[in-house]
C-alpha cells in the first residue's frame, strides 16, 4: 500500500476544509441575525424623562419657600435623592437594560419608567415636561433629501406692535 504524503493529503482535504469554514461562518452569521435579543444579550431600552424629574424636585423644594408648608416631609423627600434615584432607576429598569434620556431621539416605542421612579422616590407625578419631538423636529430635522422645513423666526415680546424701520428705545 502506497500512503499519500502530507502535501498530497493537504491538497486533497483543502476544498473540504474551505467548505466547512464557509458553512460554519454562514451558520454563525445567521444565528446572530435571527436570534432573539435575549439570547444574544442585547439590552432592552427604557426611557427616563430628566426634565420631569427636575420639575418634580423643584415642586418639592418650593415647599421651603411657602410659609406653613410641611418642611419635614419636603426635607425627607430630598434627602439623599441622587443615590435613591440611581437605585430606583436601576430597580425600575431591570437588569441588562439601557436607560436613555427621553429627550434624545429613539427609534421605536420604548417603555417610559419616569412615573414609576417618581412614585418610588415620593416625588409628585403631576409635573410638566417638555415635548422632545416638537423640539427635535423644529431644531434638528433629519431629512436628508428635499428642501429644509420652513422655519419661522421667534417673535420677541411686543414685536407685533413694531413697524418696519422703526427703532426701539
C-alpha atoms as a PDB file:
ATOM      1  CA  UNK A   1       0.000   0.000   0.000  1.00  0.00           C
ATOM      2  CA  UNK A   2       1.261   3.337  -1.036  1.00  0.00           C
ATOM      3  CA  UNK A   3       0.245   6.016   1.530  1.00  0.00           C
ATOM      4  CA  UNK A   4      -0.111   9.653   0.335  1.00  0.00           C
ATOM      5  CA  UNK A   5       2.365  12.211   1.594  1.00  0.00           C
ATOM      6  CA  UNK A   6       1.403  15.145   3.772  1.00  0.00           C
ATOM      7  CA  UNK A   7       1.397  17.560   0.810  1.00  0.00           C
ATOM      8  CA  UNK A   8      -0.862  15.312  -1.221  1.00  0.00           C
ATOM      9  CA  UNK A   9      -3.193  14.883   1.774  1.00  0.00           C
ATOM     10  CA  UNK A  10      -3.367  18.688   2.310  1.00  0.00           C
ATOM     11  CA  UNK A  11      -4.206  19.203  -1.391  1.00  0.00           C
ATOM     12  CA  UNK A  12      -6.893  16.552  -1.152  1.00  0.00           C
ATOM     13  CA  UNK A  13      -8.521  17.972   2.027  1.00  0.00           C
ATOM     14  CA  UNK A  14      -8.194  21.734   1.266  1.00  0.00           C
ATOM     15  CA  UNK A  15     -11.551  22.054  -0.578  1.00  0.00           C
ATOM     16  CA  UNK A  16     -13.354  20.219   2.229  1.00  0.00           C
ATOM     17  CA  UNK A  17     -11.761  22.491   4.836  1.00  0.00           C
ATOM     18  CA  UNK A  18     -12.726  25.621   2.879  1.00  0.00           C
ATOM     19  CA  UNK A  19     -16.359  24.477   2.507  1.00  0.00           C
ATOM     20  CA  UNK A  20     -16.525  23.570   6.224  1.00  0.00           C
ATOM     21  CA  UNK A  21     -15.217  27.024   7.226  1.00  0.00           C
ATOM     22  CA  UNK A  22     -17.715  28.739   4.890  1.00  0.00           C
ATOM     23  CA  UNK A  23     -20.647  26.731   6.293  1.00  0.00           C
ATOM     24  CA  UNK A  24     -19.577  27.470   9.891  1.00  0.00           C
ATOM     25  CA  UNK A  25     -19.248  31.205   9.162  1.00  0.00           C
ATOM     26  CA  UNK A  26     -22.677  31.269   7.482  1.00  0.00           C
ATOM     27  CA  UNK A  27     -24.245  29.455  10.433  1.00  0.00           C
ATOM     28  CA  UNK A  28     -22.793  31.962  12.919  1.00  0.00           C
ATOM     29  CA  UNK A  29     -23.978  34.954  10.860  1.00  0.00           C
ATOM     30  CA  UNK A  30     -27.482  33.511  10.503  1.00  0.00           C
ATOM     31  CA  UNK A  31     -27.665  32.748  14.225  1.00  0.00           C
ATOM     32  CA  UNK A  32     -26.647  36.298  15.158  1.00  0.00           C
ATOM     33  CA  UNK A  33     -29.074  37.781  12.632  1.00  0.00           C
ATOM     34  CA  UNK A  34     -32.164  35.784  13.593  1.00  0.00           C
ATOM     35  CA  UNK A  35     -31.576  35.044  17.286  1.00  0.00           C
ATOM     36  CA  UNK A  36     -33.808  36.838  19.783  1.00  0.00           C
ATOM     37  CA  UNK A  37     -32.268  39.786  21.686  1.00  0.00           C
ATOM     38  CA  UNK A  38     -32.432  37.909  24.993  1.00  0.00           C
ATOM     39  CA  UNK A  39     -30.360  35.078  23.555  1.00  0.00           C
ATOM     40  CA  UNK A  40     -27.625  37.374  22.266  1.00  0.00           C
ATOM     41  CA  UNK A  41     -27.507  39.517  25.402  1.00  0.00           C
ATOM     42  CA  UNK A  42     -28.630  42.757  23.767  1.00  0.00           C
ATOM     43  CA  UNK A  43     -30.028  45.158  26.344  1.00  0.00           C
ATOM     44  CA  UNK A  44     -33.610  46.259  26.380  1.00  0.00           C
ATOM     45  CA  UNK A  45     -34.156  50.014  26.257  1.00  0.00           C
ATOM     46  CA  UNK A  46     -36.263  52.210  28.558  1.00  0.00           C
ATOM     47  CA  UNK A  47     -36.586  55.990  28.690  1.00  0.00           C
ATOM     48  CA  UNK A  48     -36.373  58.361  31.637  1.00  0.00           C
ATOM     49  CA  UNK A  49     -37.641  61.964  31.459  1.00  0.00           C
ATOM     50  CA  UNK A  50     -34.995  64.103  33.160  1.00  0.00           C
ATOM     51  CA  UNK A  51     -36.982  67.338  32.755  1.00  0.00           C
ATOM     52  CA  UNK A  52     -39.984  65.852  34.516  1.00  0.00           C
ATOM     53  CA  UNK A  53     -37.690  64.569  37.273  1.00  0.00           C
ATOM     54  CA  UNK A  54     -36.127  68.033  37.710  1.00  0.00           C
ATOM     55  CA  UNK A  55     -39.558  69.669  37.784  1.00  0.00           C
ATOM     56  CA  UNK A  56     -40.701  67.189  40.459  1.00  0.00           C
ATOM     57  CA  UNK A  57     -37.656  68.151  42.558  1.00  0.00           C
ATOM     58  CA  UNK A  58     -38.490  71.827  42.116  1.00  0.00           C
ATOM     59  CA  UNK A  59     -42.089  71.208  43.151  1.00  0.00           C
ATOM     60  CA  UNK A  60     -40.931  69.591  46.392  1.00  0.00           C
ATOM     61  CA  UNK A  61     -38.260  72.239  47.006  1.00  0.00           C
ATOM     62  CA  UNK A  62     -40.827  75.013  46.560  1.00  0.00           C
ATOM     63  CA  UNK A  63     -42.298  73.927  49.915  1.00  0.00           C
ATOM     64  CA  UNK A  64     -39.330  75.656  51.592  1.00  0.00           C
ATOM     65  CA  UNK A  65     -40.438  78.984  50.095  1.00  0.00           C
ATOM     66  CA  UNK A  66     -44.008  78.751  51.372  1.00  0.00           C
ATOM     67  CA  UNK A  67     -44.882  79.665  54.900  1.00  0.00           C
ATOM     68  CA  UNK A  68     -46.829  76.996  56.757  1.00  0.00           C
ATOM     69  CA  UNK A  69     -45.738  74.238  54.347  1.00  0.00           C
ATOM     70  CA  UNK A  70     -44.611  70.832  55.571  1.00  0.00           C
ATOM     71  CA  UNK A  71     -40.833  71.356  55.593  1.00  0.00           C
ATOM     72  CA  UNK A  72     -40.128  67.991  57.257  1.00  0.00           C
ATOM     73  CA  UNK A  73     -41.698  65.889  54.501  1.00  0.00           C
ATOM     74  CA  UNK A  74     -40.019  68.022  51.822  1.00  0.00           C
ATOM     75  CA  UNK A  75     -36.676  67.563  53.564  1.00  0.00           C
ATOM     76  CA  UNK A  76     -37.175  63.788  53.758  1.00  0.00           C
ATOM     77  CA  UNK A  77     -38.116  63.619  50.073  1.00  0.00           C
ATOM     78  CA  UNK A  78     -34.963  65.495  49.031  1.00  0.00           C
ATOM     79  CA  UNK A  79     -32.562  63.747  51.440  1.00  0.00           C
ATOM     80  CA  UNK A  80     -30.043  61.510  49.576  1.00  0.00           C
ATOM     81  CA  UNK A  81     -32.111  61.957  46.428  1.00  0.00           C
ATOM     82  CA  UNK A  82     -29.311  61.303  43.931  1.00  0.00           C
ATOM     83  CA  UNK A  83     -28.403  57.917  45.421  1.00  0.00           C
ATOM     84  CA  UNK A  84     -32.035  56.922  45.832  1.00  0.00           C
ATOM     85  CA  UNK A  85     -32.685  57.976  42.225  1.00  0.00           C
ATOM     86  CA  UNK A  86     -29.940  55.715  40.887  1.00  0.00           C
ATOM     87  CA  UNK A  87     -31.342  52.787  42.872  1.00  0.00           C
ATOM     88  CA  UNK A  88     -34.929  53.489  41.783  1.00  0.00           C
ATOM     89  CA  UNK A  89     -33.944  53.753  38.114  1.00  0.00           C
ATOM     90  CA  UNK A  90     -31.939  50.512  38.294  1.00  0.00           C
ATOM     91  CA  UNK A  91     -34.818  48.736  40.039  1.00  0.00           C
ATOM     92  CA  UNK A  92     -37.472  50.038  37.625  1.00  0.00           C
ATOM     93  CA  UNK A  93     -35.407  49.393  34.503  1.00  0.00           C
ATOM     94  CA  UNK A  94     -34.342  45.888  35.459  1.00  0.00           C
ATOM     95  CA  UNK A  95     -31.130  44.030  34.680  1.00  0.00           C
ATOM     96  CA  UNK A  96     -29.396  44.282  31.300  1.00  0.00           C
ATOM     97  CA  UNK A  97     -31.357  47.439  30.404  1.00  0.00           C
ATOM     98  CA  UNK A  98     -30.142  50.612  28.739  1.00  0.00           C
ATOM     99  CA  UNK A  99     -31.706  53.783  30.190  1.00  0.00           C
ATOM    100  CA  UNK A 100     -31.986  56.573  27.606  1.00  0.00           C
ATOM    101  CA  UNK A 101     -32.977  60.177  28.240  1.00  0.00           C
ATOM    102  CA  UNK A 102     -36.465  60.783  26.922  1.00  0.00           C
ATOM    103  CA  UNK A 103     -35.328  63.981  25.231  1.00  0.00           C
ATOM    104  CA  UNK A 104     -32.993  62.059  22.937  1.00  0.00           C
ATOM    105  CA  UNK A 105     -34.126  60.610  19.638  1.00  0.00           C
ATOM    106  CA  UNK A 106     -35.053  56.957  19.951  1.00  0.00           C
ATOM    107  CA  UNK A 107     -36.493  54.860  17.158  1.00  0.00           C
ATOM    108  CA  UNK A 108     -39.494  52.744  18.020  1.00  0.00           C
ATOM    109  CA  UNK A 109     -41.643  52.531  21.102  1.00  0.00           C
ATOM    110  CA  UNK A 110     -39.822  52.287  24.414  1.00  0.00           C
ATOM    111  CA  UNK A 111     -41.107  51.886  27.938  1.00  0.00           C
ATOM    112  CA  UNK A 112     -41.053  55.094  29.993  1.00  0.00           C
ATOM    113  CA  UNK A 113     -40.085  54.471  33.646  1.00  0.00           C
ATOM    114  CA  UNK A 114     -40.327  58.105  34.817  1.00  0.00           C
ATOM    115  CA  UNK A 115     -43.705  57.769  36.547  1.00  0.00           C
ATOM    116  CA  UNK A 116     -42.609  54.611  38.366  1.00  0.00           C
ATOM    117  CA  UNK A 117     -39.335  56.200  39.542  1.00  0.00           C
ATOM    118  CA  UNK A 118     -41.055  59.384  40.748  1.00  0.00           C
ATOM    119  CA  UNK A 119     -43.566  57.303  42.712  1.00  0.00           C
ATOM    120  CA  UNK A 120     -40.783  55.257  44.351  1.00  0.00           C
ATOM    121  CA  UNK A 121     -38.968  58.456  45.328  1.00  0.00           C
ATOM    122  CA  UNK A 122     -42.097  60.046  46.784  1.00  0.00           C
ATOM    123  CA  UNK A 123     -41.968  62.941  44.303  1.00  0.00           C
ATOM    124  CA  UNK A 124     -45.079  64.407  42.646  1.00  0.00           C
ATOM    125  CA  UNK A 125     -46.029  62.862  39.303  1.00  0.00           C
ATOM    126  CA  UNK A 126     -48.260  65.680  38.052  1.00  0.00           C
ATOM    127  CA  UNK A 127     -45.440  67.980  36.942  1.00  0.00           C
ATOM    128  CA  UNK A 128     -44.931  69.372  33.430  1.00  0.00           C
ATOM    129  CA  UNK A 129     -42.327  68.240  30.941  1.00  0.00           C
ATOM    130  CA  UNK A 130     -41.127  69.357  27.504  1.00  0.00           C
ATOM    131  CA  UNK A 131     -42.260  67.796  24.237  1.00  0.00           C
ATOM    132  CA  UNK A 132     -38.997  66.445  22.876  1.00  0.00           C
ATOM    133  CA  UNK A 133     -40.460  65.571  19.478  1.00  0.00           C
ATOM    134  CA  UNK A 134     -41.593  69.135  18.755  1.00  0.00           C
ATOM    135  CA  UNK A 135     -38.176  70.492  19.715  1.00  0.00           C
ATOM    136  CA  UNK A 136     -36.295  67.886  17.702  1.00  0.00           C
ATOM    137  CA  UNK A 137     -38.367  68.403  14.574  1.00  0.00           C
ATOM    138  CA  UNK A 138     -38.045  72.175  14.827  1.00  0.00           C
ATOM    139  CA  UNK A 139     -34.335  72.407  15.601  1.00  0.00           C
ATOM    140  CA  UNK A 140     -32.778  69.277  14.138  1.00  0.00           C
ATOM    141  CA  UNK A 141     -34.640  67.993  11.086  1.00  0.00           C
ATOM    142  CA  UNK A 142     -33.382  64.630   9.904  1.00  0.00           C
ATOM    143  CA  UNK A 143     -34.419  64.863   6.269  1.00  0.00           C
ATOM    144  CA  UNK A 144     -31.502  64.082   4.021  1.00  0.00           C
ATOM    145  CA  UNK A 145     -33.179  64.971   0.723  1.00  0.00           C
ATOM    146  CA  UNK A 146     -35.625  67.649  -0.260  1.00  0.00           C
ATOM    147  CA  UNK A 147     -35.988  71.197   0.898  1.00  0.00           C
ATOM    148  CA  UNK A 148     -35.422  72.013   4.555  1.00  0.00           C
ATOM    149  CA  UNK A 149     -38.549  72.654   6.607  1.00  0.00           C
ATOM    150  CA  UNK A 150     -39.736  76.245   6.727  1.00  0.00           C
ATOM    151  CA  UNK A 151     -38.569  77.923   9.922  1.00  0.00           C
ATOM    152  CA  UNK A 152     -40.309  80.881  11.411  1.00  0.00           C
ATOM    153  CA  UNK A 153     -38.090  83.223  13.406  1.00  0.00           C
ATOM    154  CA  UNK A 154     -39.045  83.507  17.041  1.00  0.00           C
ATOM    155  CA  UNK A 155     -41.112  86.561  17.884  1.00  0.00           C
ATOM    156  CA  UNK A 156     -39.883  88.797  20.626  1.00  0.00           C
ATOM    157  CA  UNK A 157     -42.333  90.147  23.181  1.00  0.00           C
ATOM    158  CA  UNK A 158     -44.031  93.237  21.807  1.00  0.00           C
ATOM    159  CA  UNK A 159     -42.759  92.609  18.293  1.00  0.00           C
ATOM    160  CA  UNK A 160     -46.253  92.764  16.812  1.00  0.00           C
ATOM    161  CA  UNK A 161     -46.515  96.461  17.638  1.00  0.00           C
ATOM    162  CA  UNK A 162     -43.185  97.361  15.994  1.00  0.00           C
ATOM    163  CA  UNK A 163     -43.418  98.708  12.444  1.00  0.00           C
ATOM    164  CA  UNK A 164     -40.747  98.026   9.886  1.00  0.00           C
ATOM    165  CA  UNK A 165     -37.922 100.516  10.012  1.00  0.00           C
ATOM    166  CA  UNK A 166     -38.821 101.689  13.496  1.00  0.00           C
ATOM    167  CA  UNK A 167     -36.090 101.633  16.141  1.00  0.00           C
ATOM    168  CA  UNK A 168     -36.965 100.570  19.644  1.00  0.00           C
ATOM    169  CA  UNK A 169     -35.673 102.722  22.528  1.00  0.00           C
END
